[in-house]
């Protein structure tokens, strides 16, 4: 089976650290970016199955990335994790598969990702060879 590729964008090193711990042991290929600029370059040059982004980034808004991603891949799956969506562009929000608030509920986050990717959630096990 092909591992889904997820691009995660957050300008907070603490959040990126949490994401890297959460995904370790799961069957996903995860790539991290800490700005709209870095994430845009990655989105243009690579294929991702899912975009997970914070809304308020140092150099722009997560919804800008959602629009870029959905233009490049019609039907693209995006997840916004944010303390506030007040600034969000309604057109961009219509392209978002799900929105989760902060502080992040890890179990709900992983279930949402599995659902959005239409992939059963496999709990990491300790008995992998």
N, C-alpha and C. Protein backbone atom coordinates (compact mmCIF):
# COMPACT_ATOMS: atom_id res chain seq x y z
N UNK A 1 0.85 -1.20 0.00
CA UNK A 1 0.00 0.00 0.00
C UNK A 1 0.88 1.25 0.00
N UNK A 2 0.42 2.25 -0.70
CA UNK A 2 1.17 3.50 -0.76
C UNK A 2 0.86 4.31 0.50
N UNK A 3 1.91 4.80 1.12
CA UNK A 3 1.70 5.61 2.34
C UNK A 3 1.22 7.01 1.93
N UNK A 4 0.14 7.49 2.54
CA UNK A 4 -0.30 8.85 2.23
C UNK A 4 0.77 9.86 2.64
N UNK A 5 0.94 10.89 1.80
CA UNK A 5 1.91 11.96 2.09
C UNK A 5 1.17 13.17 2.62
N UNK A 6 1.61 13.64 3.77
CA UNK A 6 0.95 14.77 4.44
C UNK A 6 1.94 15.91 4.59
N UNK A 7 1.52 17.10 4.18
CA UNK A 7 2.32 18.31 4.42
C UNK A 7 1.72 19.03 5.62
N UNK A 8 2.55 19.28 6.63
CA UNK A 8 2.09 19.96 7.85
C UNK A 8 2.79 21.31 7.96
N UNK A 9 1.98 22.36 8.11
CA UNK A 9 2.52 23.71 8.14
C UNK A 9 2.14 24.39 9.45
N UNK A 10 3.16 24.79 10.21
CA UNK A 10 2.93 25.54 11.44
C UNK A 10 4.20 26.32 11.74
N UNK A 11 4.05 27.57 12.18
CA UNK A 11 5.26 28.35 12.45
C UNK A 11 5.69 28.24 13.92
N UNK A 12 4.99 27.38 14.66
CA UNK A 12 5.32 27.19 16.07
C UNK A 12 6.12 25.90 16.23
N UNK A 13 7.40 26.01 16.63
CA UNK A 13 8.24 24.80 16.76
C UNK A 13 7.65 23.79 17.74
N UNK A 14 6.93 24.28 18.76
CA UNK A 14 6.31 23.36 19.73
C UNK A 14 5.26 22.49 19.04
N UNK A 15 4.44 23.12 18.19
CA UNK A 15 3.41 22.37 17.46
C UNK A 15 4.05 21.36 16.50
N UNK A 16 5.11 21.79 15.80
CA UNK A 16 5.77 20.88 14.86
C UNK A 16 6.33 19.67 15.61
N UNK A 17 6.84 19.92 16.80
CA UNK A 17 7.37 18.84 17.64
C UNK A 17 6.25 17.88 18.03
N UNK A 18 5.09 18.43 18.42
CA UNK A 18 3.94 17.59 18.77
C UNK A 18 3.53 16.75 17.57
N UNK A 19 3.44 17.39 16.39
CA UNK A 19 3.05 16.65 15.19
C UNK A 19 4.03 15.51 14.89
N UNK A 20 5.33 15.79 15.02
CA UNK A 20 6.29 14.75 14.67
C UNK A 20 6.18 13.57 15.64
N UNK A 21 5.87 13.85 16.92
CA UNK A 21 5.66 12.75 17.88
C UNK A 21 4.38 11.99 17.57
N UNK A 22 3.31 12.72 17.26
CA UNK A 22 2.01 12.10 17.00
C UNK A 22 2.09 11.14 15.81
N UNK A 23 2.84 11.55 14.78
CA UNK A 23 2.86 10.74 13.56
C UNK A 23 3.90 9.62 13.59
N UNK A 24 4.81 9.64 14.58
CA UNK A 24 5.81 8.59 14.56
C UNK A 24 5.11 7.27 14.87
N UNK A 25 5.43 6.25 14.10
CA UNK A 25 4.79 4.96 14.28
C UNK A 25 3.52 4.80 13.46
N UNK A 26 3.05 5.88 12.82
CA UNK A 26 1.90 5.76 11.93
C UNK A 26 2.37 5.60 10.49
N UNK A 27 1.46 5.10 9.68
CA UNK A 27 1.81 4.76 8.31
C UNK A 27 1.60 5.95 7.38
N UNK A 28 2.20 7.08 7.71
CA UNK A 28 2.10 8.25 6.86
C UNK A 28 3.50 8.78 6.58
N UNK A 29 3.68 9.36 5.41
CA UNK A 29 4.91 10.10 5.14
C UNK A 29 4.60 11.56 5.44
N UNK A 30 5.33 12.14 6.38
CA UNK A 30 5.00 13.50 6.83
C UNK A 30 6.15 14.45 6.51
N UNK A 31 5.79 15.59 5.92
CA UNK A 31 6.76 16.63 5.59
C UNK A 31 6.34 17.89 6.33
N UNK A 32 7.32 18.61 6.90
CA UNK A 32 6.99 19.80 7.68
C UNK A 32 7.46 21.08 6.98
N UNK A 33 6.67 22.14 7.16
CA UNK A 33 7.07 23.47 6.68
C UNK A 33 6.69 24.46 7.77
N UNK A 34 7.48 25.55 7.90
CA UNK A 34 7.18 26.50 8.98
C UNK A 34 6.77 27.87 8.47
N UNK A 35 6.43 27.96 7.17
CA UNK A 35 5.96 29.24 6.62
C UNK A 35 5.14 29.00 5.37
N UNK A 36 4.39 30.03 4.99
CA UNK A 36 3.62 29.95 3.74
C UNK A 36 4.57 29.82 2.56
N UNK A 37 5.70 30.55 2.61
CA UNK A 37 6.65 30.52 1.49
C UNK A 37 7.21 29.12 1.26
N UNK A 38 7.66 28.49 2.35
CA UNK A 38 8.24 27.14 2.24
C UNK A 38 7.16 26.15 1.78
N UNK A 39 5.98 26.25 2.40
CA UNK A 39 4.91 25.31 2.07
C UNK A 39 4.45 25.47 0.63
N UNK A 40 4.37 26.71 0.14
CA UNK A 40 3.94 26.95 -1.25
C UNK A 40 4.90 26.29 -2.22
N UNK A 41 6.20 26.46 -1.96
CA UNK A 41 7.21 25.85 -2.84
C UNK A 41 7.06 24.33 -2.84
N UNK A 42 6.82 23.76 -1.66
CA UNK A 42 6.66 22.30 -1.56
C UNK A 42 5.40 21.84 -2.29
N UNK A 43 4.30 22.59 -2.11
CA UNK A 43 3.03 22.20 -2.74
C UNK A 43 3.14 22.23 -4.26
N UNK A 44 3.89 23.20 -4.78
CA UNK A 44 4.00 23.34 -6.23
C UNK A 44 4.85 22.21 -6.81
N UNK A 45 5.87 21.77 -6.06
CA UNK A 45 6.82 20.83 -6.66
C UNK A 45 6.62 19.37 -6.25
N UNK A 46 5.68 19.09 -5.35
CA UNK A 46 5.49 17.71 -4.90
C UNK A 46 4.01 17.35 -4.87
N UNK A 47 3.76 16.06 -4.74
CA UNK A 47 2.38 15.61 -4.58
C UNK A 47 2.12 15.28 -3.11
N UNK A 48 1.02 15.80 -2.56
CA UNK A 48 0.62 15.45 -1.20
C UNK A 48 -0.83 14.99 -1.22
N UNK A 49 -1.15 14.08 -0.31
CA UNK A 49 -2.53 13.61 -0.20
C UNK A 49 -3.34 14.49 0.74
N UNK A 50 -2.64 15.18 1.63
CA UNK A 50 -3.32 15.99 2.64
C UNK A 50 -2.44 17.15 3.06
N UNK A 51 -3.08 18.31 3.23
CA UNK A 51 -2.42 19.49 3.78
C UNK A 51 -3.01 19.76 5.15
N UNK A 52 -2.14 19.85 6.16
CA UNK A 52 -2.58 20.24 7.50
C UNK A 52 -1.89 21.55 7.81
N UNK A 53 -2.66 22.61 8.04
CA UNK A 53 -2.01 23.90 8.25
C UNK A 53 -2.65 24.70 9.38
N UNK A 54 -1.80 25.46 10.05
CA UNK A 54 -2.25 26.47 11.00
C UNK A 54 -2.85 27.60 10.16
N UNK A 55 -3.75 28.39 10.71
CA UNK A 55 -4.32 29.49 9.93
C UNK A 55 -3.42 30.73 9.98
N UNK A 56 -2.97 31.12 11.18
CA UNK A 56 -2.17 32.33 11.31
C UNK A 56 -0.69 31.97 11.25
N UNK A 57 -0.08 32.21 10.11
CA UNK A 57 1.35 31.91 9.94
C UNK A 57 2.10 33.23 9.85
N UNK A 58 3.40 33.19 10.14
CA UNK A 58 4.19 34.42 10.18
C UNK A 58 4.10 35.23 8.89
N UNK A 59 4.05 34.54 7.75
CA UNK A 59 4.09 35.26 6.47
C UNK A 59 2.81 35.12 5.66
N UNK A 60 1.71 34.77 6.32
CA UNK A 60 0.45 34.68 5.57
C UNK A 60 -0.56 33.82 6.30
N UNK A 61 -1.59 33.39 5.56
CA UNK A 61 -2.67 32.61 6.14
C UNK A 61 -2.69 31.19 5.58
N UNK A 62 -3.08 30.26 6.44
CA UNK A 62 -3.19 28.87 6.01
C UNK A 62 -4.17 28.71 4.86
N UNK A 63 -5.23 29.53 4.86
CA UNK A 63 -6.22 29.41 3.79
C UNK A 63 -5.62 29.73 2.42
N UNK A 64 -4.54 30.55 2.37
CA UNK A 64 -3.86 30.79 1.09
C UNK A 64 -3.29 29.49 0.55
N UNK A 65 -2.74 28.69 1.45
CA UNK A 65 -2.17 27.40 1.06
C UNK A 65 -3.26 26.43 0.61
N UNK A 66 -4.40 26.48 1.33
CA UNK A 66 -5.53 25.61 0.97
C UNK A 66 -5.97 25.91 -0.47
N UNK A 67 -6.07 27.21 -0.81
CA UNK A 67 -6.49 27.58 -2.17
C UNK A 67 -5.47 27.13 -3.20
N UNK A 68 -4.20 27.34 -2.91
CA UNK A 68 -3.14 26.91 -3.83
C UNK A 68 -3.20 25.39 -4.04
N UNK A 69 -3.35 24.68 -2.95
CA UNK A 69 -3.38 23.21 -2.99
C UNK A 69 -4.60 22.72 -3.77
N UNK A 70 -5.76 23.36 -3.54
CA UNK A 70 -6.97 22.87 -4.22
C UNK A 70 -6.97 23.25 -5.70
N UNK A 71 -6.26 24.33 -6.06
CA UNK A 71 -6.14 24.68 -7.48
C UNK A 71 -5.24 23.66 -8.19
N UNK A 72 -4.19 23.24 -7.50
CA UNK A 72 -3.25 22.30 -8.11
C UNK A 72 -3.85 20.90 -8.17
N UNK A 73 -4.57 20.51 -7.12
CA UNK A 73 -5.20 19.18 -7.06
C UNK A 73 -6.69 19.34 -6.79
N UNK A 74 -7.51 19.33 -7.82
CA UNK A 74 -8.94 19.42 -7.55
C UNK A 74 -9.36 18.28 -6.62
N UNK A 75 -10.19 18.62 -5.63
CA UNK A 75 -10.59 17.59 -4.68
C UNK A 75 -9.55 17.35 -3.59
N UNK A 76 -8.53 18.22 -3.54
CA UNK A 76 -7.48 18.07 -2.53
C UNK A 76 -8.06 18.12 -1.12
N UNK A 77 -7.45 17.39 -0.23
CA UNK A 77 -7.92 17.33 1.17
C UNK A 77 -7.06 18.26 2.02
N UNK A 78 -7.73 19.12 2.77
CA UNK A 78 -7.01 20.05 3.64
C UNK A 78 -7.65 20.09 5.01
N UNK A 79 -6.81 20.30 6.00
CA UNK A 79 -7.25 20.36 7.38
C UNK A 79 -6.63 21.61 8.00
N UNK A 80 -7.47 22.46 8.58
CA UNK A 80 -6.93 23.66 9.25
C UNK A 80 -7.02 23.44 10.76
N UNK A 81 -5.90 23.67 11.42
CA UNK A 81 -5.86 23.60 12.88
C UNK A 81 -5.55 25.01 13.34
N UNK A 82 -6.48 25.62 14.06
CA UNK A 82 -6.28 27.02 14.38
C UNK A 82 -7.03 27.45 15.62
N UNK A 83 -6.45 28.41 16.32
CA UNK A 83 -7.14 29.01 17.44
C UNK A 83 -8.22 29.95 16.96
N UNK A 84 -8.09 30.48 15.73
CA UNK A 84 -9.07 31.43 15.23
C UNK A 84 -9.20 31.36 13.72
N UNK A 85 -10.45 31.34 13.27
CA UNK A 85 -10.68 31.38 11.82
C UNK A 85 -11.37 32.69 11.44
N UNK A 86 -11.24 33.69 12.31
CA UNK A 86 -11.93 34.95 12.07
C UNK A 86 -11.53 35.58 10.74
N UNK A 87 -10.25 35.45 10.38
CA UNK A 87 -9.76 36.11 9.16
C UNK A 87 -10.00 35.27 7.92
N UNK A 88 -10.58 34.10 8.07
CA UNK A 88 -10.56 33.15 6.97
C UNK A 88 -11.46 33.57 5.81
N UNK A 89 -10.97 33.32 4.63
CA UNK A 89 -11.68 33.57 3.39
C UNK A 89 -12.73 32.47 3.18
N UNK A 90 -14.00 32.85 3.06
CA UNK A 90 -15.06 31.82 2.93
C UNK A 90 -14.83 30.88 1.76
N UNK A 91 -14.28 31.40 0.66
CA UNK A 91 -14.02 30.54 -0.50
C UNK A 91 -12.99 29.47 -0.15
N UNK A 92 -11.97 29.89 0.60
CA UNK A 92 -10.94 28.93 1.01
C UNK A 92 -11.53 27.92 1.97
N UNK A 93 -12.37 28.39 2.90
CA UNK A 93 -12.96 27.47 3.87
C UNK A 93 -13.81 26.41 3.19
N UNK A 94 -14.41 26.77 2.05
CA UNK A 94 -15.24 25.78 1.36
C UNK A 94 -14.37 24.66 0.79
N UNK A 95 -13.08 24.91 0.62
CA UNK A 95 -12.17 23.89 0.10
C UNK A 95 -11.53 23.07 1.21
N UNK A 96 -11.83 23.44 2.47
CA UNK A 96 -11.23 22.75 3.61
C UNK A 96 -12.07 21.53 3.99
N UNK A 97 -11.40 20.39 4.20
CA UNK A 97 -12.12 19.17 4.57
C UNK A 97 -12.59 19.21 6.02
N UNK A 98 -11.78 19.81 6.90
CA UNK A 98 -12.14 19.88 8.31
C UNK A 98 -11.34 20.98 8.99
N UNK A 99 -11.92 21.53 10.06
CA UNK A 99 -11.22 22.53 10.89
C UNK A 99 -11.19 22.01 12.32
N UNK A 100 -10.05 22.10 12.95
CA UNK A 100 -9.93 21.71 14.36
C UNK A 100 -9.36 22.88 15.13
N UNK A 101 -9.82 23.04 16.37
CA UNK A 101 -9.34 24.15 17.18
C UNK A 101 -8.06 23.80 17.91
N UNK A 102 -7.49 24.82 18.54
CA UNK A 102 -6.37 24.61 19.44
C UNK A 102 -6.88 24.93 20.84
N UNK A 103 -6.40 24.30 21.90
CA UNK A 103 -5.39 23.24 21.89
C UNK A 103 -5.87 21.99 21.16
N UNK A 104 -4.95 21.32 20.54
CA UNK A 104 -5.28 20.19 19.67
C UNK A 104 -5.63 18.95 20.48
N UNK A 105 -6.78 18.37 20.12
CA UNK A 105 -7.16 17.09 20.70
C UNK A 105 -6.56 16.01 19.80
N UNK A 106 -5.49 15.36 20.28
CA UNK A 106 -4.70 14.46 19.42
C UNK A 106 -5.54 13.30 18.88
N UNK A 107 -6.34 12.68 19.73
CA UNK A 107 -7.14 11.54 19.27
C UNK A 107 -8.11 11.97 18.17
N UNK A 108 -8.77 13.09 18.41
CA UNK A 108 -9.72 13.59 17.41
C UNK A 108 -8.99 13.96 16.13
N UNK A 109 -7.80 14.54 16.28
CA UNK A 109 -6.99 14.93 15.12
C UNK A 109 -6.66 13.71 14.26
N UNK A 110 -6.17 12.64 14.90
CA UNK A 110 -5.79 11.45 14.14
C UNK A 110 -7.01 10.78 13.51
N UNK A 111 -8.13 10.79 14.23
CA UNK A 111 -9.36 10.21 13.65
C UNK A 111 -9.81 11.03 12.44
N UNK A 112 -9.70 12.36 12.56
CA UNK A 112 -10.12 13.23 11.46
C UNK A 112 -9.24 12.99 10.24
N UNK A 113 -7.95 12.84 10.46
CA UNK A 113 -7.03 12.58 9.34
C UNK A 113 -7.37 11.27 8.66
N UNK A 114 -7.62 10.24 9.46
CA UNK A 114 -7.97 8.94 8.89
C UNK A 114 -9.26 9.05 8.07
N UNK A 115 -10.22 9.80 8.61
CA UNK A 115 -11.51 9.94 7.93
C UNK A 115 -11.35 10.73 6.62
N UNK A 116 -10.60 11.84 6.70
CA UNK A 116 -10.41 12.69 5.52
C UNK A 116 -9.68 11.92 4.42
N UNK A 117 -8.71 11.11 4.82
CA UNK A 117 -7.96 10.32 3.84
C UNK A 117 -8.69 9.03 3.48
N UNK A 118 -9.82 8.80 4.14
CA UNK A 118 -10.61 7.62 3.90
C UNK A 118 -9.78 6.36 4.12
N UNK A 119 -9.08 6.36 5.24
CA UNK A 119 -8.15 5.27 5.52
C UNK A 119 -8.41 4.87 6.96
N UNK A 120 -8.64 3.60 7.22
CA UNK A 120 -8.91 3.21 8.61
C UNK A 120 -7.72 3.59 9.51
N UNK A 121 -8.06 4.05 10.69
CA UNK A 121 -7.00 4.45 11.63
C UNK A 121 -6.38 3.20 12.23
N UNK A 122 -5.09 3.03 11.95
CA UNK A 122 -4.39 1.89 12.53
C UNK A 122 -3.57 2.42 13.70
N UNK A 123 -3.86 1.93 14.86
CA UNK A 123 -3.09 2.38 16.03
C UNK A 123 -1.67 1.85 15.92
N UNK A 124 -0.68 2.66 16.28
CA UNK A 124 0.69 2.15 16.22
C UNK A 124 0.85 1.01 17.22
N UNK A 125 1.56 -0.02 16.81
CA UNK A 125 1.76 -1.15 17.71
C UNK A 125 3.24 -1.26 18.05
N UNK A 126 3.52 -1.90 19.14
CA UNK A 126 4.91 -2.02 19.57
C UNK A 126 5.57 -3.27 19.04
N UNK A 127 4.80 -4.14 18.40
CA UNK A 127 5.38 -5.42 18.00
C UNK A 127 5.80 -5.44 16.54
N UNK A 128 6.06 -4.26 15.98
CA UNK A 128 6.56 -4.25 14.60
C UNK A 128 7.98 -4.79 14.59
N UNK A 129 8.31 -5.57 13.57
CA UNK A 129 9.68 -6.10 13.52
C UNK A 129 10.70 -4.98 13.39
